[in-house]
Amino acid sequence: MAGLSRGAHCPRERERAQAIEGLRPQCRLSVLLKAAGMARSTFYYHFRKSKQPDKYAREKESIIRLYHEHKGRYGYRRITVEMNKIGYAINHKTVLKLMNICGIKSQVRLRKYCSYKGQIGRIAPNLLQRDFAAEKPNQKWVTDLTEFSVCGVKLYLSPIMDLYNREIISYKIAERPNFMQIMKMLDDAFARRLD
């Protein structure tokens, strides 16, 4: 009975009631209840409950069959739909509870969003080789496209910077990043620097 005491692993009342029922032929019920620290009414509640037939036995069999039929891919919502098609009038919450009792759960994992789609198009050669210093104006220009939010609206900034003195030669702001934005930025830069 030491294993039935309330220690680090405290067995649930149902488990303790089952242990008491198993030990009843050897000891008096009052001694077992006192050792387990359980009220007589609690014991009889669980004892009577264990003797009752399972009212969801057929539903559990159908849920397990549907679960394995669909290779564990169906969760409680889809199994509820299939159960209703078969002819069971059963709620999705009941299906979820019965699946938990049976120890079955959908095996489908949610895929995380990944915007990377692999290499698209041609990669330009790396002409700068991480040398971001220029000896004279208009020798090295760099650009980038930056997304930022203003009052809940996404805007895209595309500037051209001269690496000689870090001056912004031209820039364009647009609500969508597209090729026309880049072309207008380049046209403005070439119009400002005719040389």
C-alpha atoms as a PDB file:
ATOM      1  CA  MET A   1       0.000   0.000   0.000  1.00  0.00           C
ATOM      2  CA  ALA A   2       3.039   2.269   0.203  1.00  0.00           C
ATOM      3  CA  GLY A   3       2.748   2.786  -3.541  1.00  0.00           C
ATOM      4  CA  LEU A   4      -0.757   4.182  -3.068  1.00  0.00           C
ATOM      5  CA  SER A   5       0.317   6.939  -0.678  1.00  0.00           C
ATOM      6  CA  ARG A   6       0.376  10.527  -1.880  1.00  0.00           C
ATOM      7  CA  GLY A   7       4.041  10.875  -2.803  1.00  0.00           C
ATOM      8  CA  ALA A   8       6.002  12.272  -5.743  1.00  0.00           C
ATOM      9  CA  HIS A   9       3.916  10.191  -8.143  1.00  0.00           C
ATOM     10  CA  CYS A  10       0.365  10.560  -6.886  1.00  0.00           C
ATOM     11  CA  PRO A  11      -1.855   7.993  -8.624  1.00  0.00           C
ATOM     12  CA  ARG A  12      -5.226   9.204  -9.739  1.00  0.00           C
ATOM     13  CA  GLU A  13      -8.263   8.189  -7.736  1.00  0.00           C
ATOM     14  CA  ARG A  14      -9.392   5.781 -10.434  1.00  0.00           C
ATOM     15  CA  GLU A  15      -6.046   3.943 -10.295  1.00  0.00           C
ATOM     16  CA  ARG A  16      -6.156   3.812  -6.494  1.00  0.00           C
ATOM     17  CA  ALA A  17      -9.724   2.480  -6.604  1.00  0.00           C
ATOM     18  CA  GLN A  18      -8.597  -0.266  -9.016  1.00  0.00           C
ATOM     19  CA  ALA A  19      -5.720  -1.187  -6.669  1.00  0.00           C
ATOM     20  CA  ILE A  20      -8.086  -1.340  -3.689  1.00  0.00           C
ATOM     21  CA  GLU A  21     -10.477  -3.559  -5.675  1.00  0.00           C
ATOM     22  CA  GLY A  22      -7.569  -5.895  -6.458  1.00  0.00           C
ATOM     23  CA  LEU A  23      -6.512  -6.122  -2.807  1.00  0.00           C
ATOM     24  CA  ARG A  24     -10.028  -6.535  -1.387  1.00  0.00           C
ATOM     25  CA  PRO A  25      -9.885 -10.363  -1.124  1.00  0.00           C
ATOM     26  CA  GLN A  26      -6.824 -10.120   1.154  1.00  0.00           C
ATOM     27  CA  CYS A  27      -7.802  -7.176   3.428  1.00  0.00           C
ATOM     28  CA  ARG A  28     -10.857  -5.484   4.814  1.00  0.00           C
ATOM     29  CA  LEU A  29     -12.158  -2.568   2.758  1.00  0.00           C
ATOM     30  CA  SER A  30     -11.984  -0.098   5.667  1.00  0.00           C
ATOM     31  CA  VAL A  31      -8.255  -0.852   6.187  1.00  0.00           C
ATOM     32  CA  LEU A  32      -7.510  -0.438   2.475  1.00  0.00           C
ATOM     33  CA  LEU A  33      -9.443   2.832   2.249  1.00  0.00           C
ATOM     34  CA  LYS A  34      -7.629   4.222   5.294  1.00  0.00           C
ATOM     35  CA  ALA A  35      -4.211   3.217   3.888  1.00  0.00           C
ATOM     36  CA  ALA A  36      -5.033   4.779   0.495  1.00  0.00           C
ATOM     37  CA  GLY A  37      -6.535   7.904   2.058  1.00  0.00           C
ATOM     38  CA  MET A  38      -9.715   7.519   0.040  1.00  0.00           C
ATOM     39  CA  ALA A  39     -13.305   8.092   1.068  1.00  0.00           C
ATOM     40  CA  ARG A  40     -15.688   5.139   0.825  1.00  0.00           C
ATOM     41  CA  SER A  41     -18.029   7.121  -1.474  1.00  0.00           C
ATOM     42  CA  THR A  42     -15.136   7.932  -3.844  1.00  0.00           C
ATOM     43  CA  PHE A  43     -14.157   4.268  -4.002  1.00  0.00           C
ATOM     44  CA  TYR A  44     -17.721   3.159  -4.787  1.00  0.00           C
ATOM     45  CA  TYR A  45     -18.081   5.922  -7.396  1.00  0.00           C
ATOM     46  CA  HIS A  46     -15.044   4.652  -9.310  1.00  0.00           C
ATOM     47  CA  PHE A  47     -15.906   0.994  -8.624  1.00  0.00           C
ATOM     48  CA  ARG A  48     -19.444   1.435 -10.018  1.00  0.00           C
ATOM     49  CA  LYS A  49     -18.111   3.456 -12.950  1.00  0.00           C
ATOM     50  CA  SER A  50     -15.654   0.687 -13.867  1.00  0.00           C
ATOM     51  CA  LYS A  51     -18.494  -1.878 -13.874  1.00  0.00           C
ATOM     52  CA  GLN A  52     -20.645   0.146 -16.280  1.00  0.00           C
ATOM     53  CA  PRO A  53     -20.373  -0.766 -19.969  1.00  0.00           C
ATOM     54  CA  ASP A  54     -18.617   1.783 -22.169  1.00  0.00           C
ATOM     55  CA  LYS A  55     -21.384   3.733 -23.905  1.00  0.00           C
ATOM     56  CA  TYR A  56     -18.995   4.926 -26.653  1.00  0.00           C
ATOM     57  CA  ALA A  57     -17.492   1.499 -27.468  1.00  0.00           C
ATOM     58  CA  ARG A  58     -18.894   1.395 -31.034  1.00  0.00           C
ATOM     59  CA  GLU A  59     -17.908   5.011 -31.681  1.00  0.00           C
ATOM     60  CA  LYS A  60     -14.348   4.339 -30.491  1.00  0.00           C
ATOM     61  CA  GLU A  61     -14.040   1.351 -32.824  1.00  0.00           C
ATOM     62  CA  SER A  62     -15.274   3.440 -35.772  1.00  0.00           C
ATOM     63  CA  ILE A  63     -12.945   6.335 -34.900  1.00  0.00           C
ATOM     64  CA  ILE A  64      -9.927   4.013 -34.690  1.00  0.00           C
ATOM     65  CA  ARG A  65     -10.907   2.314 -37.957  1.00  0.00           C
ATOM     66  CA  LEU A  66     -11.312   5.679 -39.764  1.00  0.00           C
ATOM     67  CA  TYR A  67      -8.054   6.942 -38.286  1.00  0.00           C
ATOM     68  CA  HIS A  68      -6.076   3.951 -39.587  1.00  0.00           C
ATOM     69  CA  GLU A  69      -8.004   3.858 -42.859  1.00  0.00           C
ATOM     70  CA  HIS A  70      -6.729   7.371 -43.619  1.00  0.00           C
ATOM     71  CA  LYS A  71      -3.192   6.593 -42.370  1.00  0.00           C
ATOM     72  CA  GLY A  72      -3.386   8.931 -39.375  1.00  0.00           C
ATOM     73  CA  ARG A  73      -3.878  12.029 -41.514  1.00  0.00           C
ATOM     74  CA  TYR A  74      -7.392  12.827 -40.302  1.00  0.00           C
ATOM     75  CA  GLY A  75      -7.828  14.978 -37.208  1.00  0.00           C
ATOM     76  CA  TYR A  76     -10.925  15.166 -35.052  1.00  0.00           C
ATOM     77  CA  ARG A  77     -12.752  17.571 -37.410  1.00  0.00           C
ATOM     78  CA  ARG A  78     -12.471  15.362 -40.486  1.00  0.00           C
ATOM     79  CA  ILE A  79     -13.195  12.229 -38.476  1.00  0.00           C
ATOM     80  CA  THR A  80     -16.351  13.939 -37.160  1.00  0.00           C
ATOM     81  CA  VAL A  81     -17.468  14.580 -40.748  1.00  0.00           C
ATOM     82  CA  GLU A  82     -16.775  10.946 -41.681  1.00  0.00           C
ATOM     83  CA  MET A  83     -18.624   9.698 -38.575  1.00  0.00           C
ATOM     84  CA  ASN A  84     -21.651  11.813 -39.501  1.00  0.00           C
ATOM     85  CA  LYS A  85     -21.549  10.394 -43.046  1.00  0.00           C
ATOM     86  CA  ILE A  86     -21.600   6.863 -41.621  1.00  0.00           C
ATOM     87  CA  GLY A  87     -24.676   7.692 -39.563  1.00  0.00           C
ATOM     88  CA  TYR A  88     -23.389   8.563 -36.095  1.00  0.00           C
ATOM     89  CA  ALA A  89     -24.865  11.730 -34.577  1.00  0.00           C
ATOM     90  CA  ILE A  90     -21.746  12.791 -32.703  1.00  0.00           C
ATOM     91  CA  ASN A  91     -20.263  16.161 -31.772  1.00  0.00           C
ATOM     92  CA  HIS A  92     -16.708  17.183 -32.699  1.00  0.00           C
ATOM     93  CA  LYS A  93     -15.879  17.726 -29.016  1.00  0.00           C
ATOM     94  CA  THR A  94     -16.917  14.156 -28.227  1.00  0.00           C
ATOM     95  CA  VAL A  95     -14.781  12.861 -31.110  1.00  0.00           C
ATOM     96  CA  LEU A  96     -11.807  14.828 -29.779  1.00  0.00           C
ATOM     97  CA  LYS A  97     -12.361  13.418 -26.271  1.00  0.00           C
ATOM     98  CA  LEU A  98     -12.659   9.844 -27.583  1.00  0.00           C
ATOM     99  CA  MET A  99      -9.528  10.259 -29.716  1.00  0.00           C
ATOM    100  CA  ASN A 100      -7.638  11.450 -26.629  1.00  0.00           C
ATOM    101  CA  ILE A 101      -8.922   8.464 -24.632  1.00  0.00           C
ATOM    102  CA  CYS A 102      -7.813   6.101 -27.428  1.00  0.00           C
ATOM    103  CA  GLY A 103      -4.451   7.881 -27.630  1.00  0.00           C
ATOM    104  CA  ILE A 104      -4.670   8.787 -31.313  1.00  0.00           C
ATOM    105  CA  LYS A 105      -3.803  12.126 -32.877  1.00  0.00           C
ATOM    106  CA  SER A 106      -3.438  13.429 -36.403  1.00  0.00           C
ATOM    107  CA  GLN A 107       0.107  12.942 -37.719  1.00  0.00           C
ATOM    108  CA  VAL A 108       0.039  15.888 -40.140  1.00  0.00           C
ATOM    109  CA  ARG A 109       2.607  18.535 -39.265  1.00  0.00           C
ATOM    110  CA  LEU A 110       2.025  22.157 -40.176  1.00  0.00           C
ATOM    111  CA  ARG A 111       4.580  23.377 -42.684  1.00  0.00           C
ATOM    112  CA  LYS A 112       6.308  26.616 -41.825  1.00  0.00           C
ATOM    113  CA  TYR A 113       6.213  29.368 -44.435  1.00  0.00           C
ATOM    114  CA  CYS A 114       9.426  29.761 -46.375  1.00  0.00           C
ATOM    115  CA  SER A 115       9.674  32.413 -49.057  1.00  0.00           C
ATOM    116  CA  TYR A 116      12.906  30.984 -50.517  1.00  0.00           C
ATOM    117  CA  LYS A 117      12.143  29.289 -53.832  1.00  0.00           C
ATOM    118  CA  GLY A 118      15.653  28.366 -54.853  1.00  0.00           C
ATOM    119  CA  GLN A 119      17.860  30.082 -57.366  1.00  0.00           C
ATOM    120  CA  ILE A 120      15.714  32.084 -59.773  1.00  0.00           C
ATOM    121  CA  GLY A 121      17.260  33.683 -62.803  1.00  0.00           C
ATOM    122  CA  ARG A 122      20.923  34.447 -63.424  1.00  0.00           C
ATOM    123  CA  ILE A 123      23.266  35.639 -60.664  1.00  0.00           C
ATOM    124  CA  ALA A 124      25.311  38.666 -61.688  1.00  0.00           C
ATOM    125  CA  PRO A 125      29.093  38.406 -61.267  1.00  0.00           C
ATOM    126  CA  ASN A 126      30.545  39.879 -58.064  1.00  0.00           C
ATOM    127  CA  LEU A 127      32.517  42.779 -59.507  1.00  0.00           C
ATOM    128  CA  LEU A 128      33.168  44.636 -56.235  1.00  0.00           C
ATOM    129  CA  GLN A 129      34.569  41.626 -54.311  1.00  0.00           C
ATOM    130  CA  ARG A 130      33.518  43.431 -51.081  1.00  0.00           C
ATOM    131  CA  ASP A 131      35.712  46.443 -51.883  1.00  0.00           C
ATOM    132  CA  PHE A 132      33.311  49.277 -51.017  1.00  0.00           C
ATOM    133  CA  ALA A 133      35.764  52.150 -51.444  1.00  0.00           C
ATOM    134  CA  ALA A 134      36.055  54.254 -54.611  1.00  0.00           C
ATOM    135  CA  GLU A 135      38.995  56.497 -55.603  1.00  0.00           C
ATOM    136  CA  LYS A 136      36.935  58.951 -57.680  1.00  0.00           C
ATOM    137  CA  PRO A 137      33.263  59.944 -58.168  1.00  0.00           C
ATOM    138  CA  ASN A 138      31.002  57.814 -60.391  1.00  0.00           C
ATOM    139  CA  GLN A 139      33.424  54.905 -60.269  1.00  0.00           C
ATOM    140  CA  LYS A 140      31.240  52.594 -58.136  1.00  0.00           C
ATOM    141  CA  TRP A 141      27.496  52.864 -57.687  1.00  0.00           C
ATOM    142  CA  VAL A 142      25.500  50.498 -55.493  1.00  0.00           C
ATOM    143  CA  THR A 143      21.776  49.988 -55.014  1.00  0.00           C
ATOM    144  CA  ASP A 144      19.384  47.971 -52.914  1.00  0.00           C
ATOM    145  CA  LEU A 145      15.646  47.614 -52.498  1.00  0.00           C
ATOM    146  CA  THR A 146      14.310  48.222 -48.969  1.00  0.00           C
ATOM    147  CA  GLU A 147      10.803  47.577 -47.679  1.00  0.00           C
ATOM    148  CA  PHE A 148       9.371  49.674 -44.854  1.00  0.00           C
ATOM    149  CA  SER A 149       5.942  50.554 -43.479  1.00  0.00           C
ATOM    150  CA  VAL A 150       4.445  54.057 -43.195  1.00  0.00           C
ATOM    151  CA  CYS A 151       1.044  54.371 -41.486  1.00  0.00           C
ATOM    152  CA  GLY A 152       0.309  50.713 -42.180  1.00  0.00           C
ATOM    153  CA  VAL A 153       1.193  50.954 -45.912  1.00  0.00           C
ATOM    154  CA  LYS A 154       4.174  49.038 -47.277  1.00  0.00           C
ATOM    155  CA  LEU A 155       6.553  51.164 -49.340  1.00  0.00           C
ATOM    156  CA  TYR A 156       9.670  50.148 -51.262  1.00  0.00           C
ATOM    157  CA  LEU A 157      12.716  52.435 -51.451  1.00  0.00           C
ATOM    158  CA  SER A 158      15.281  51.950 -54.171  1.00  0.00           C
ATOM    159  CA  PRO A 159      18.292  54.347 -53.951  1.00  0.00           C
ATOM    160  CA  ILE A 160      21.576  54.595 -55.876  1.00  0.00           C
ATOM    161  CA  MET A 161      24.607  55.527 -53.775  1.00  0.00           C
ATOM    162  CA  ASP A 162      28.041  56.618 -54.996  1.00  0.00           C
ATOM    163  CA  LEU A 163      30.704  54.778 -52.958  1.00  0.00           C
ATOM    164  CA  TYR A 164      33.180  57.650 -53.360  1.00  0.00           C
ATOM    165  CA  ASN A 165      31.415  60.036 -50.943  1.00  0.00           C
ATOM    166  CA  ARG A 166      28.302  57.987 -49.946  1.00  0.00           C
ATOM    167  CA  GLU A 167      26.064  60.459 -51.782  1.00  0.00           C
ATOM    168  CA  ILE A 168      22.582  59.348 -52.858  1.00  0.00           C
ATOM    169  CA  ILE A 169      22.459  60.061 -56.572  1.00  0.00           C
ATOM    170  CA  SER A 170      18.797  59.184 -57.107  1.00  0.00           C
ATOM    171  CA  TYR A 171      15.995  57.192 -55.489  1.00  0.00           C
ATOM    172  CA  LYS A 172      12.458  56.058 -56.136  1.00  0.00           C
ATOM    173  CA  ILE A 173       9.691  55.097 -53.691  1.00  0.00           C
ATOM    174  CA  ALA A 174       6.863  52.839 -54.845  1.00  0.00           C
ATOM    175  CA  GLU A 175       4.038  50.824 -53.324  1.00  0.00           C
ATOM    176  CA  ARG A 176       5.140  47.740 -55.299  1.00  0.00           C
ATOM    177  CA  PRO A 177       8.673  46.621 -56.142  1.00  0.00           C
ATOM    178  CA  ASN A 178       8.790  46.290 -59.908  1.00  0.00           C
ATOM    179  CA  PHE A 179      11.113  46.806 -62.841  1.00  0.00           C
ATOM    180  CA  MET A 180       9.643  50.231 -63.746  1.00  0.00           C
ATOM    181  CA  GLN A 181      10.704  51.603 -60.345  1.00  0.00           C
ATOM    182  CA  ILE A 182      14.305  50.532 -61.005  1.00  0.00           C
ATOM    183  CA  MET A 183      14.302  51.917 -64.552  1.00  0.00           C
ATOM    184  CA  LYS A 184      12.984  55.333 -63.421  1.00  0.00           C
ATOM    185  CA  MET A 185      15.643  55.450 -60.691  1.00  0.00           C
ATOM    186  CA  LEU A 186      18.379  54.711 -63.252  1.00  0.00           C
ATOM    187  CA  ASP A 187      16.992  57.282 -65.732  1.00  0.00           C
ATOM    188  CA  ASP A 188      17.031  59.967 -62.993  1.00  0.00           C
ATOM    189  CA  ALA A 189      20.606  59.026 -62.031  1.00  0.00           C
ATOM    190  CA  PHE A 190      21.848  59.218 -65.619  1.00  0.00           C
ATOM    191  CA  ALA A 191      20.020  62.548 -66.146  1.00  0.00           C
ATOM    192  CA  ARG A 192      21.773  64.031 -63.092  1.00  0.00           C
ATOM    193  CA  ARG A 193      25.234  62.666 -64.015  1.00  0.00           C
ATOM    194  CA  LEU A 194      25.666  63.158 -67.722  1.00  0.00           C
ATOM    195  CA  ASP A 195      29.354  62.169 -67.513  1.00  0.00           C
END
